[in-house]
Amino acid sequence: VPAVAWSRTERTGGNLWLAEAVATAGLVVLVFALARTGRTTAAPAAVG
């Protein structure tokens, strides 16, 4: 498909922004919880 083609899929609205805040917060807390409790070996499975 064309190497570069600007997407035309609009993703906007308060519900989507809330979802992104929740998703990002959860991901970051997970990553640092694993790091700070010495469980980084679980990161590939847990983050995936």
All heavy atoms as atom14 arrays in JSON, in Angstrom:
{
  "sequence": "VPAVAWSRTERTGGNLWLAEAVATAGLVVLVFALARTGRTTAAPAAVG",
  "atom14_mask": [
    [1, 1, 1, 1, 1, 1, 1, 0, 0, 0, 0, 0, 0, 0],
    [1, 1, 1, 1, 1, 1, 1, 0, 0, 0, 0, 0, 0, 0],
    [1, 1, 1, 1, 1, 0, 0, 0, 0, 0, 0, 0, 0, 0],
    [1, 1, 1, 1, 1, 1, 1, 0, 0, 0, 0, 0, 0, 0],
    [1, 1, 1, 1, 1, 0, 0, 0, 0, 0, 0, 0, 0, 0],
    [1, 1, 1, 1, 1, 1, 1, 1, 1, 1, 1, 1, 1, 1],
    [1, 1, 1, 1, 1, 1, 0, 0, 0, 0, 0, 0, 0, 0],
    [1, 1, 1, 1, 1, 1, 1, 1, 1, 1, 1, 0, 0, 0],
    [1, 1, 1, 1, 1, 1, 1, 0, 0, 0, 0, 0, 0, 0],
    [1, 1, 1, 1, 1, 1, 1, 1, 1, 0, 0, 0, 0, 0],
    [1, 1, 1, 1, 1, 1, 1, 1, 1, 1, 1, 0, 0, 0],
    [1, 1, 1, 1, 1, 1, 1, 0, 0, 0, 0, 0, 0, 0],
    [1, 1, 1, 1, 0, 0, 0, 0, 0, 0, 0, 0, 0, 0],
    [1, 1, 1, 1, 0, 0, 0, 0, 0, 0, 0, 0, 0, 0],
    [1, 1, 1, 1, 1, 1, 1, 1, 0, 0, 0, 0, 0, 0],
    [1, 1, 1, 1, 1, 1, 1, 1, 0, 0, 0, 0, 0, 0],
    [1, 1, 1, 1, 1, 1, 1, 1, 1, 1, 1, 1, 1, 1],
    [1, 1, 1, 1, 1, 1, 1, 1, 0, 0, 0, 0, 0, 0],
    [1, 1, 1, 1, 1, 0, 0, 0, 0, 0, 0, 0, 0, 0],
    [1, 1, 1, 1, 1, 1, 1, 1, 1, 0, 0, 0, 0, 0],
    [1, 1, 1, 1, 1, 0, 0, 0, 0, 0, 0, 0, 0, 0],
    [1, 1, 1, 1, 1, 1, 1, 0, 0, 0, 0, 0, 0, 0],
    [1, 1, 1, 1, 1, 0, 0, 0, 0, 0, 0, 0, 0, 0],
    [1, 1, 1, 1, 1, 1, 1, 0, 0, 0, 0, 0, 0, 0],
    [1, 1, 1, 1, 1, 0, 0, 0, 0, 0, 0, 0, 0, 0],
    [1, 1, 1, 1, 0, 0, 0, 0, 0, 0, 0, 0, 0, 0],
    [1, 1, 1, 1, 1, 1, 1, 1, 0, 0, 0, 0, 0, 0],
    [1, 1, 1, 1, 1, 1, 1, 0, 0, 0, 0, 0, 0, 0],
    [1, 1, 1, 1, 1, 1, 1, 0, 0, 0, 0, 0, 0, 0],
    [1, 1, 1, 1, 1, 1, 1, 1, 0, 0, 0, 0, 0, 0],
    [1, 1, 1, 1, 1, 1, 1, 0, 0, 0, 0, 0, 0, 0],
    [1, 1, 1, 1, 1, 1, 1, 1, 1, 1, 1, 0, 0, 0],
    [1, 1, 1, 1, 1, 0, 0, 0, 0, 0, 0, 0, 0, 0],
    [1, 1, 1, 1, 1, 1, 1, 1, 0, 0, 0, 0, 0, 0],
    [1, 1, 1, 1, 1, 0, 0, 0, 0, 0, 0, 0, 0, 0],
    [1, 1, 1, 1, 1, 1, 1, 1, 1, 1, 1, 0, 0, 0],
    [1, 1, 1, 1, 1, 1, 1, 0, 0, 0, 0, 0, 0, 0],
    [1, 1, 1, 1, 0, 0, 0, 0, 0, 0, 0, 0, 0, 0],
    [1, 1, 1, 1, 1, 1, 1, 1, 1, 1, 1, 0, 0, 0],
    [1, 1, 1, 1, 1, 1, 1, 0, 0, 0, 0, 0, 0, 0],
    [1, 1, 1, 1, 1, 1, 1, 0, 0, 0, 0, 0, 0, 0],
    [1, 1, 1, 1, 1, 0, 0, 0, 0, 0, 0, 0, 0, 0],
    [1, 1, 1, 1, 1, 0, 0, 0, 0, 0, 0, 0, 0, 0],
    [1, 1, 1, 1, 1, 1, 1, 0, 0, 0, 0, 0, 0, 0],
    [1, 1, 1, 1, 1, 0, 0, 0, 0, 0, 0, 0, 0, 0],
    [1, 1, 1, 1, 1, 0, 0, 0, 0, 0, 0, 0, 0, 0],
    [1, 1, 1, 1, 1, 1, 1, 0, 0, 0, 0, 0, 0, 0],
    [1, 1, 1, 1, 0, 0, 0, 0, 0, 0, 0, 0, 0, 0]
  ],
  "atom14_positions": [
    [[0.87, -1.17, 0.0], [0.0, 0.0, 0.0], [0.91, 1.22, 0.0], [2.12, 1.1, 0.22], [-0.94, 0.01, 1.22], [-1.85, -1.21, 1.2], [-0.17, 0.06, 2.53], [0.0, 0.0, 0.0], [0.0, 0.0, 0.0], [0.0, 0.0, 0.0], [0.0, 0.0, 0.0], [0.0, 0.0, 0.0], [0.0, 0.0, 0.0], [0.0, 0.0, 0.0]],
    [[0.4, 2.41, -0.3], [1.27, 3.59, -0.33], [2.12, 3.71, 0.93], [1.61, 3.58, 2.05], [0.27, 4.75, -0.46], [-0.89, 4.14, -1.19], [-1.0, 2.75, -0.65], [0.0, 0.0, 0.0], [0.0, 0.0, 0.0], [0.0, 0.0, 0.0], [0.0, 0.0, 0.0], [0.0, 0.0, 0.0], [0.0, 0.0, 0.0], [0.0, 0.0, 0.0]],
    [[3.4, 3.96, 0.74], [4.33, 4.0, 1.87], [3.9, 5.02, 2.91], [3.98, 4.77, 4.12], [5.74, 4.32, 1.37], [0.0, 0.0, 0.0], [0.0, 0.0, 0.0], [0.0, 0.0, 0.0], [0.0, 0.0, 0.0], [0.0, 0.0, 0.0], [0.0, 0.0, 0.0], [0.0, 0.0, 0.0], [0.0, 0.0, 0.0], [0.0, 0.0, 0.0]],
    [[3.45, 6.18, 2.47], [2.96, 7.21, 3.37], [1.63, 7.72, 2.85], [1.55, 8.19, 1.7], [3.94, 8.4, 3.49], [3.34, 9.5, 4.35], [5.28, 7.94, 4.07], [0.0, 0.0, 0.0], [0.0, 0.0, 0.0], [0.0, 0.0, 0.0], [0.0, 0.0, 0.0], [0.0, 0.0, 0.0], [0.0, 0.0, 0.0], [0.0, 0.0, 0.0]],
    [[0.6, 7.59, 3.67], [-0.71, 8.13, 3.34], [-1.35, 8.56, 4.64], [-1.55, 7.73, 5.54], [-1.57, 7.08, 2.64], [0.0, 0.0, 0.0], [0.0, 0.0, 0.0], [0.0, 0.0, 0.0], [0.0, 0.0, 0.0], [0.0, 0.0, 0.0], [0.0, 0.0, 0.0], [0.0, 0.0, 0.0], [0.0, 0.0, 0.0], [0.0, 0.0, 0.0]],
    [[-1.63, 9.83, 4.79], [-2.2, 10.32, 6.05], [-3.51, 9.6, 6.33], [-4.36, 9.47, 5.47], [-2.43, 11.82, 5.99], [-1.19, 12.64, 5.83], [-0.86, 13.44, 4.79], [-0.1, 12.73, 6.76], [0.36, 14.02, 4.99], [0.85, 13.61, 6.19], [0.17, 12.15, 8.0], [2.05, 13.92, 6.84], [1.36, 12.47, 8.64], [2.28, 13.34, 8.07]],
    [[-3.65, 9.14, 7.54], [-4.87, 8.43, 7.91], [-6.07, 9.37, 7.88], [-5.98, 10.54, 8.22], [-4.72, 7.85, 9.33], [-5.92, 7.26, 9.74], [0.0, 0.0, 0.0], [0.0, 0.0, 0.0], [0.0, 0.0, 0.0], [0.0, 0.0, 0.0], [0.0, 0.0, 0.0], [0.0, 0.0, 0.0], [0.0, 0.0, 0.0], [0.0, 0.0, 0.0]],
    [[-7.2, 8.8, 7.49], [-8.45, 9.56, 7.49], [-9.38, 9.09, 8.6], [-10.54, 9.5, 8.64], [-9.14, 9.4, 6.14], [-8.41, 10.07, 4.97], [-8.99, 9.68, 3.64], [-8.7, 8.27, 3.33], [-9.13, 7.65, 2.23], [-9.87, 8.31, 1.35], [-8.81, 6.39, 2.04], [0.0, 0.0, 0.0], [0.0, 0.0, 0.0], [0.0, 0.0, 0.0]],
    [[-8.87, 8.28, 9.5], [-9.69, 7.76, 10.6], [-9.69, 8.74, 11.77], [-8.7, 8.88, 12.49], [-9.15, 6.39, 11.08], [-9.11, 5.49, 9.99], [-10.05, 5.83, 12.18], [0.0, 0.0, 0.0], [0.0, 0.0, 0.0], [0.0, 0.0, 0.0], [0.0, 0.0, 0.0], [0.0, 0.0, 0.0], [0.0, 0.0, 0.0], [0.0, 0.0, 0.0]],
    [[-10.8, 9.44, 11.93], [-10.92, 10.41, 13.01], [-11.16, 9.67, 14.32], [-12.01, 8.8, 14.42], [-12.08, 11.37, 12.74], [-11.9, 12.25, 11.52], [-10.85, 13.34, 11.73], [-10.52, 13.62, 12.91], [-10.38, 13.9, 10.73], [0.0, 0.0, 0.0], [0.0, 0.0, 0.0], [0.0, 0.0, 0.0], [0.0, 0.0, 0.0], [0.0, 0.0, 0.0]],
    [[-10.37, 10.0, 15.31], [-10.52, 9.42, 16.64], [-10.51, 10.59, 17.63], [-9.44, 11.02, 18.06], [-9.4, 8.44, 16.95], [-9.27, 7.27, 15.97], [-8.07, 6.39, 16.33], [-7.77, 5.4, 15.31], [-8.17, 4.13, 15.33], [-8.94, 3.71, 16.32], [-7.82, 3.28, 14.38], [0.0, 0.0, 0.0], [0.0, 0.0, 0.0], [0.0, 0.0, 0.0]],
    [[-11.67, 11.09, 17.96], [-11.74, 12.26, 18.82], [-12.96, 12.18, 19.7], [-13.94, 11.51, 19.38], [-11.76, 13.55, 17.98], [-11.66, 14.69, 18.85], [-13.03, 13.66, 17.15], [0.0, 0.0, 0.0], [0.0, 0.0, 0.0], [0.0, 0.0, 0.0], [0.0, 0.0, 0.0], [0.0, 0.0, 0.0], [0.0, 0.0, 0.0], [0.0, 0.0, 0.0]],
    [[-12.9, 12.85, 20.84], [-14.02, 12.86, 21.77], [-13.54, 12.6, 23.19], [-12.53, 11.91, 23.42], [0.0, 0.0, 0.0], [0.0, 0.0, 0.0], [0.0, 0.0, 0.0], [0.0, 0.0, 0.0], [0.0, 0.0, 0.0], [0.0, 0.0, 0.0], [0.0, 0.0, 0.0], [0.0, 0.0, 0.0], [0.0, 0.0, 0.0], [0.0, 0.0, 0.0]],
    [[-14.28, 13.13, 24.14], [-13.89, 13.0, 25.54], [-13.77, 11.57, 26.01], [-12.88, 11.25, 26.82], [0.0, 0.0, 0.0], [0.0, 0.0, 0.0], [0.0, 0.0, 0.0], [0.0, 0.0, 0.0], [0.0, 0.0, 0.0], [0.0, 0.0, 0.0], [0.0, 0.0, 0.0], [0.0, 0.0, 0.0], [0.0, 0.0, 0.0], [0.0, 0.0, 0.0]],
    [[-14.62, 10.69, 25.5], [-14.55, 9.29, 25.93], [-13.25, 8.64, 25.48], [-12.64, 7.84, 26.21], [-15.75, 8.51, 25.42], [-15.8, 8.43, 23.89], [-15.64, 9.45, 23.22], [-16.03, 7.25, 23.35], [0.0, 0.0, 0.0], [0.0, 0.0, 0.0], [0.0, 0.0, 0.0], [0.0, 0.0, 0.0], [0.0, 0.0, 0.0], [0.0, 0.0, 0.0]],
    [[-12.79, 8.97, 24.27], [-11.54, 8.4, 23.77], [-10.34, 8.97, 24.52], [-9.38, 8.25, 24.82], [-11.4, 8.67, 22.27], [-12.49, 8.07, 21.37], [-12.17, 8.36, 19.91], [-12.61, 6.57, 21.59], [0.0, 0.0, 0.0], [0.0, 0.0, 0.0], [0.0, 0.0, 0.0], [0.0, 0.0, 0.0], [0.0, 0.0, 0.0], [0.0, 0.0, 0.0]],
    [[-10.39, 10.26, 24.84], [-9.28, 10.86, 25.59], [-9.21, 10.28, 27.0], [-8.11, 10.02, 27.51], [-9.44, 12.38, 25.63], [-9.45, 13.0, 24.26], [-8.8, 12.54, 23.14], [-10.12, 14.19, 23.86], [-9.05, 13.37, 22.06], [-9.86, 14.39, 22.48], [-10.95, 15.11, 24.52], [-10.38, 15.47, 21.77], [-11.46, 16.18, 23.81], [-11.17, 16.36, 22.43]],
    [[-10.36, 10.07, 27.61], [-10.38, 9.43, 28.93], [-9.78, 8.03, 28.84], [-8.98, 7.62, 29.7], [-11.81, 9.36, 29.46], [-12.0, 8.6, 30.77], [-11.21, 9.24, 31.91], [-13.49, 8.53, 31.13], [0.0, 0.0, 0.0], [0.0, 0.0, 0.0], [0.0, 0.0, 0.0], [0.0, 0.0, 0.0], [0.0, 0.0, 0.0], [0.0, 0.0, 0.0]],
    [[-10.16, 7.3, 27.8], [-9.65, 5.94, 27.62], [-8.13, 5.95, 27.46], [-7.43, 5.08, 28.01], [-10.3, 5.29, 26.4], [0.0, 0.0, 0.0], [0.0, 0.0, 0.0], [0.0, 0.0, 0.0], [0.0, 0.0, 0.0], [0.0, 0.0, 0.0], [0.0, 0.0, 0.0], [0.0, 0.0, 0.0], [0.0, 0.0, 0.0], [0.0, 0.0, 0.0]],
    [[-7.6, 6.92, 26.72], [-6.15, 7.0, 26.55], [-5.44, 7.33, 27.85], [-4.36, 6.81, 28.13], [-5.81, 8.03, 25.47], [-5.93, 7.51, 24.07], [-5.03, 6.31, 23.83], [-3.8, 6.48, 23.81], [-5.56, 5.2, 23.7], [0.0, 0.0, 0.0], [0.0, 0.0, 0.0], [0.0, 0.0, 0.0], [0.0, 0.0, 0.0], [0.0, 0.0, 0.0]],
    [[-6.04, 8.2, 28.65], [-5.44, 8.52, 29.94], [-5.42, 7.28, 30.83], [-4.4, 6.99, 31.49], [-6.22, 9.65, 30.62], [0.0, 0.0, 0.0], [0.0, 0.0, 0.0], [0.0, 0.0, 0.0], [0.0, 0.0, 0.0], [0.0, 0.0, 0.0], [0.0, 0.0, 0.0], [0.0, 0.0, 0.0], [0.0, 0.0, 0.0], [0.0, 0.0, 0.0]],
    [[-6.51, 6.54, 30.85], [-6.59, 5.32, 31.67], [-5.6, 4.27, 31.18], [-4.85, 3.67, 31.96], [-8.03, 4.75, 31.64], [-8.07, 3.36, 32.26], [-8.98, 5.69, 32.36], [0.0, 0.0, 0.0], [0.0, 0.0, 0.0], [0.0, 0.0, 0.0], [0.0, 0.0, 0.0], [0.0, 0.0, 0.0], [0.0, 0.0, 0.0], [0.0, 0.0, 0.0]],
    [[-5.57, 4.06, 29.86], [-4.68, 3.05, 29.29], [-3.22, 3.38, 29.58], [-2.43, 2.5, 29.95], [-4.9, 2.93, 27.78], [0.0, 0.0, 0.0], [0.0, 0.0, 0.0], [0.0, 0.0, 0.0], [0.0, 0.0, 0.0], [0.0, 0.0, 0.0], [0.0, 0.0, 0.0], [0.0, 0.0, 0.0], [0.0, 0.0, 0.0], [0.0, 0.0, 0.0]],
    [[-2.84, 4.64, 29.42], [-1.46, 5.04, 29.64], [-1.07, 4.96, 31.1], [0.01, 4.47, 31.45], [-1.22, 6.46, 29.1], [-1.66, 6.54, 27.74], [0.25, 6.83, 29.18], [0.0, 0.0, 0.0], [0.0, 0.0, 0.0], [0.0, 0.0, 0.0], [0.0, 0.0, 0.0], [0.0, 0.0, 0.0], [0.0, 0.0, 0.0], [0.0, 0.0, 0.0]],
    [[-1.96, 5.43, 31.96], [-1.67, 5.37, 33.4], [-1.48, 3.92, 33.84], [-0.54, 3.61, 34.58], [-2.81, 6.02, 34.19], [0.0, 0.0, 0.0], [0.0, 0.0, 0.0], [0.0, 0.0, 0.0], [0.0, 0.0, 0.0], [0.0, 0.0, 0.0], [0.0, 0.0, 0.0], [0.0, 0.0, 0.0], [0.0, 0.0, 0.0], [0.0, 0.0, 0.0]],
    [[-2.36, 3.05, 33.39], [-2.25, 1.64, 33.78], [-0.96, 1.02, 33.29], [-0.3, 0.26, 34.02], [0.0, 0.0, 0.0], [0.0, 0.0, 0.0], [0.0, 0.0, 0.0], [0.0, 0.0, 0.0], [0.0, 0.0, 0.0], [0.0, 0.0, 0.0], [0.0, 0.0, 0.0], [0.0, 0.0, 0.0], [0.0, 0.0, 0.0], [0.0, 0.0, 0.0]],
    [[-0.58, 1.33, 32.06], [0.66, 0.79, 31.51], [1.87, 1.26, 32.29], [2.75, 0.46, 32.66], [0.79, 1.23, 30.04], [2.13, 0.88, 29.36], [2.33, -0.62, 29.3], [2.19, 1.51, 27.97], [0.0, 0.0, 0.0], [0.0, 0.0, 0.0], [0.0, 0.0, 0.0], [0.0, 0.0, 0.0], [0.0, 0.0, 0.0], [0.0, 0.0, 0.0]],
    [[1.95, 2.55, 32.58], [3.11, 3.09, 33.28], [3.2, 2.56, 34.7], [4.28, 2.2, 35.19], [3.08, 4.64, 33.26], [4.21, 5.21, 34.11], [3.18, 5.16, 31.83], [0.0, 0.0, 0.0], [0.0, 0.0, 0.0], [0.0, 0.0, 0.0], [0.0, 0.0, 0.0], [0.0, 0.0, 0.0], [0.0, 0.0, 0.0], [0.0, 0.0, 0.0]],
    [[2.06, 2.49, 35.39], [2.07, 1.93, 36.74], [2.55, 0.49, 36.71], [3.36, 0.06, 37.55], [0.68, 2.03, 37.39], [0.63, 1.21, 38.69], [0.32, 3.48, 37.68], [0.0, 0.0, 0.0], [0.0, 0.0, 0.0], [0.0, 0.0, 0.0], [0.0, 0.0, 0.0], [0.0, 0.0, 0.0], [0.0, 0.0, 0.0], [0.0, 0.0, 0.0]],
    [[2.09, -0.29, 35.75], [2.52, -1.68, 35.63], [4.03, -1.77, 35.44], [4.72, -2.55, 36.13], [1.8, -2.35, 34.46], [2.31, -3.74, 34.05], [2.14, -4.73, 35.2], [1.61, -4.22, 32.79], [0.0, 0.0, 0.0], [0.0, 0.0, 0.0], [0.0, 0.0, 0.0], [0.0, 0.0, 0.0], [0.0, 0.0, 0.0], [0.0, 0.0, 0.0]],
    [[4.56, -1.0, 34.51], [5.99, -1.05, 34.21], [6.82, -0.73, 35.45], [7.78, -1.44, 35.78], [6.33, -0.09, 33.05], [7.84, 0.09, 32.92], [5.74, -0.6, 31.74], [0.0, 0.0, 0.0], [0.0, 0.0, 0.0], [0.0, 0.0, 0.0], [0.0, 0.0, 0.0], [0.0, 0.0, 0.0], [0.0, 0.0, 0.0], [0.0, 0.0, 0.0]],
    [[6.46, 0.34, 36.16], [7.26, 0.74, 37.31], [7.0, -0.13, 38.53], [7.89, -0.3, 39.37], [7.05, 2.22, 37.6], [7.81, 3.1, 36.64], [7.23, 3.48, 35.44], [9.1, 3.48, 36.9], [7.93, 4.25, 34.53], [9.82, 4.25, 36.0], [9.24, 4.64, 34.8], [0.0, 0.0, 0.0], [0.0, 0.0, 0.0], [0.0, 0.0, 0.0]],
    [[5.82, -0.68, 38.64], [5.56, -1.63, 39.73], [6.45, -2.86, 39.57], [7.03, -3.35, 40.55], [4.09, -2.04, 39.73], [0.0, 0.0, 0.0], [0.0, 0.0, 0.0], [0.0, 0.0, 0.0], [0.0, 0.0, 0.0], [0.0, 0.0, 0.0], [0.0, 0.0, 0.0], [0.0, 0.0, 0.0], [0.0, 0.0, 0.0], [0.0, 0.0, 0.0]],
    [[6.58, -3.33, 38.35], [7.46, -4.47, 38.1], [8.92, -4.12, 38.41], [9.64, -4.89, 39.04], [7.34, -4.92, 36.64], [6.0, -5.54, 36.23], [5.96, -5.74, 34.72], [5.77, -6.86, 36.93], [0.0, 0.0, 0.0], [0.0, 0.0, 0.0], [0.0, 0.0, 0.0], [0.0, 0.0, 0.0], [0.0, 0.0, 0.0], [0.0, 0.0, 0.0]],
    [[9.34, -2.92, 37.96], [10.73, -2.51, 38.18], [11.04, -2.33, 39.65], [12.09, -2.74, 40.14], [11.02, -1.23, 37.41], [0.0, 0.0, 0.0], [0.0, 0.0, 0.0], [0.0, 0.0, 0.0], [0.0, 0.0, 0.0], [0.0, 0.0, 0.0], [0.0, 0.0, 0.0], [0.0, 0.0, 0.0], [0.0, 0.0, 0.0], [0.0, 0.0, 0.0]],
    [[10.13, -1.72, 40.38], [10.4, -1.37, 41.77], [10.21, -2.52, 42.74], [10.54, -2.4, 43.91], [9.54, -0.18, 42.17], [9.95, 1.09, 41.41], [9.39, 2.35, 42.0], [10.07, 3.5, 41.41], [10.23, 4.66, 42.01], [9.79, 4.82, 43.23], [10.84, 5.64, 41.4], [0.0, 0.0, 0.0], [0.0, 0.0, 0.0], [0.0, 0.0, 0.0]],
    [[9.67, -3.62, 42.26], [9.51, -4.79, 43.12], [10.35, -5.96, 42.63], [10.16, -7.1, 43.05], [8.03, -5.22, 43.2], [7.51, -5.45, 41.89], [7.2, -4.15, 43.89], [0.0, 0.0, 0.0], [0.0, 0.0, 0.0], [0.0, 0.0, 0.0], [0.0, 0.0, 0.0], [0.0, 0.0, 0.0], [0.0, 0.0, 0.0], [0.0, 0.0, 0.0]],
    [[11.29, -5.67, 41.72], [12.22, -6.7, 41.29], [11.62, -7.81, 40.45], [12.12, -8.93, 40.47], [0.0, 0.0, 0.0], [0.0, 0.0, 0.0], [0.0, 0.0, 0.0], [0.0, 0.0, 0.0], [0.0, 0.0, 0.0], [0.0, 0.0, 0.0], [0.0, 0.0, 0.0], [0.0, 0.0, 0.0], [0.0, 0.0, 0.0], [0.0, 0.0, 0.0]],
    [[10.57, -7.49, 39.7], [9.91, -8.52, 38.89], [10.0, -8.2, 37.39], [9.09, -8.5, 36.63], [8.45, -8.66, 39.3], [8.25, -9.15, 40.74], [6.78, -9.16, 41.1], [6.27, -7.8, 41.15], [4.95, -7.5, 41.06], [4.07, -8.45, 40.89], [4.56, -6.24, 41.12], [0.0, 0.0, 0.0], [0.0, 0.0, 0.0], [0.0, 0.0, 0.0]],
    [[11.09, -7.59, 36.98], [11.21, -7.2, 35.58], [11.23, -8.39, 34.63], [10.94, -8.23, 33.45], [12.48, -6.36, 35.37], [13.61, -7.07, 35.88], [12.37, -5.02, 36.07], [0.0, 0.0, 0.0], [0.0, 0.0, 0.0], [0.0, 0.0, 0.0], [0.0, 0.0, 0.0], [0.0, 0.0, 0.0], [0.0, 0.0, 0.0], [0.0, 0.0, 0.0]],
    [[11.56, -9.57, 35.13], [11.55, -10.75, 34.25], [10.14, -11.06, 33.78], [9.96, -11.74, 32.77], [12.13, -11.97, 34.97], [11.42, -12.19, 36.2], [13.61, -11.78, 35.26], [0.0, 0.0, 0.0], [0.0, 0.0, 0.0], [0.0, 0.0, 0.0], [0.0, 0.0, 0.0], [0.0, 0.0, 0.0], [0.0, 0.0, 0.0], [0.0, 0.0, 0.0]],
    [[9.14, -10.56, 34.5], [7.74, -10.79, 34.1], [7.25, -9.75, 33.1], [6.13, -9.87, 32.59], [6.84, -10.79, 35.33], [0.0, 0.0, 0.0], [0.0, 0.0, 0.0], [0.0, 0.0, 0.0], [0.0, 0.0, 0.0], [0.0, 0.0, 0.0], [0.0, 0.0, 0.0], [0.0, 0.0, 0.0], [0.0, 0.0, 0.0], [0.0, 0.0, 0.0]],
    [[8.06, -8.73, 32.82], [7.61, -7.62, 31.98], [7.13, -8.04, 30.59], [6.09, -7.57, 30.13], [8.7, -6.56, 31.87], [0.0, 0.0, 0.0], [0.0, 0.0, 0.0], [0.0, 0.0, 0.0], [0.0, 0.0, 0.0], [0.0, 0.0, 0.0], [0.0, 0.0, 0.0], [0.0, 0.0, 0.0], [0.0, 0.0, 0.0], [0.0, 0.0, 0.0]],
    [[7.86, -8.91, 29.86], [7.38, -9.26, 28.52], [5.95, -9.81, 28.53], [5.1, -9.38, 27.73], [8.39, -10.31, 28.06], [9.64, -9.98, 28.82], [9.17, -9.52, 30.16], [0.0, 0.0, 0.0], [0.0, 0.0, 0.0], [0.0, 0.0, 0.0], [0.0, 0.0, 0.0], [0.0, 0.0, 0.0], [0.0, 0.0, 0.0], [0.0, 0.0, 0.0]],
    [[5.67, -10.74, 29.43], [4.33, -11.33, 29.49], [3.32, -10.33, 30.05], [2.21, -10.19, 29.5], [4.35, -12.59, 30.34], [0.0, 0.0, 0.0], [0.0, 0.0, 0.0], [0.0, 0.0, 0.0], [0.0, 0.0, 0.0], [0.0, 0.0, 0.0], [0.0, 0.0, 0.0], [0.0, 0.0, 0.0], [0.0, 0.0, 0.0], [0.0, 0.0, 0.0]],
    [[3.69, -9.62, 31.11], [2.75, -8.73, 31.77], [2.38, -7.53, 30.9], [1.2, -7.18, 30.76], [3.33, -8.25, 33.1], [0.0, 0.0, 0.0], [0.0, 0.0, 0.0], [0.0, 0.0, 0.0], [0.0, 0.0, 0.0], [0.0, 0.0, 0.0], [0.0, 0.0, 0.0], [0.0, 0.0, 0.0], [0.0, 0.0, 0.0], [0.0, 0.0, 0.0]],
    [[3.37, -6.9, 30.3], [3.1, -5.73, 29.47], [2.36, -6.14, 28.2], [1.4, -5.47, 27.78], [4.4, -4.98, 29.14], [4.13, -3.83, 28.18], [5.05, -4.46, 30.42], [0.0, 0.0, 0.0], [0.0, 0.0, 0.0], [0.0, 0.0, 0.0], [0.0, 0.0, 0.0], [0.0, 0.0, 0.0], [0.0, 0.0, 0.0], [0.0, 0.0, 0.0]],
    [[2.77, -7.24, 27.59], [2.05, -7.72, 26.41], [0.6, -8.04, 26.73], [-0.32, -7.7, 25.98], [0.0, 0.0, 0.0], [0.0, 0.0, 0.0], [0.0, 0.0, 0.0], [0.0, 0.0, 0.0], [0.0, 0.0, 0.0], [0.0, 0.0, 0.0], [0.0, 0.0, 0.0], [0.0, 0.0, 0.0], [0.0, 0.0, 0.0], [0.0, 0.0, 0.0]]
  ]
}
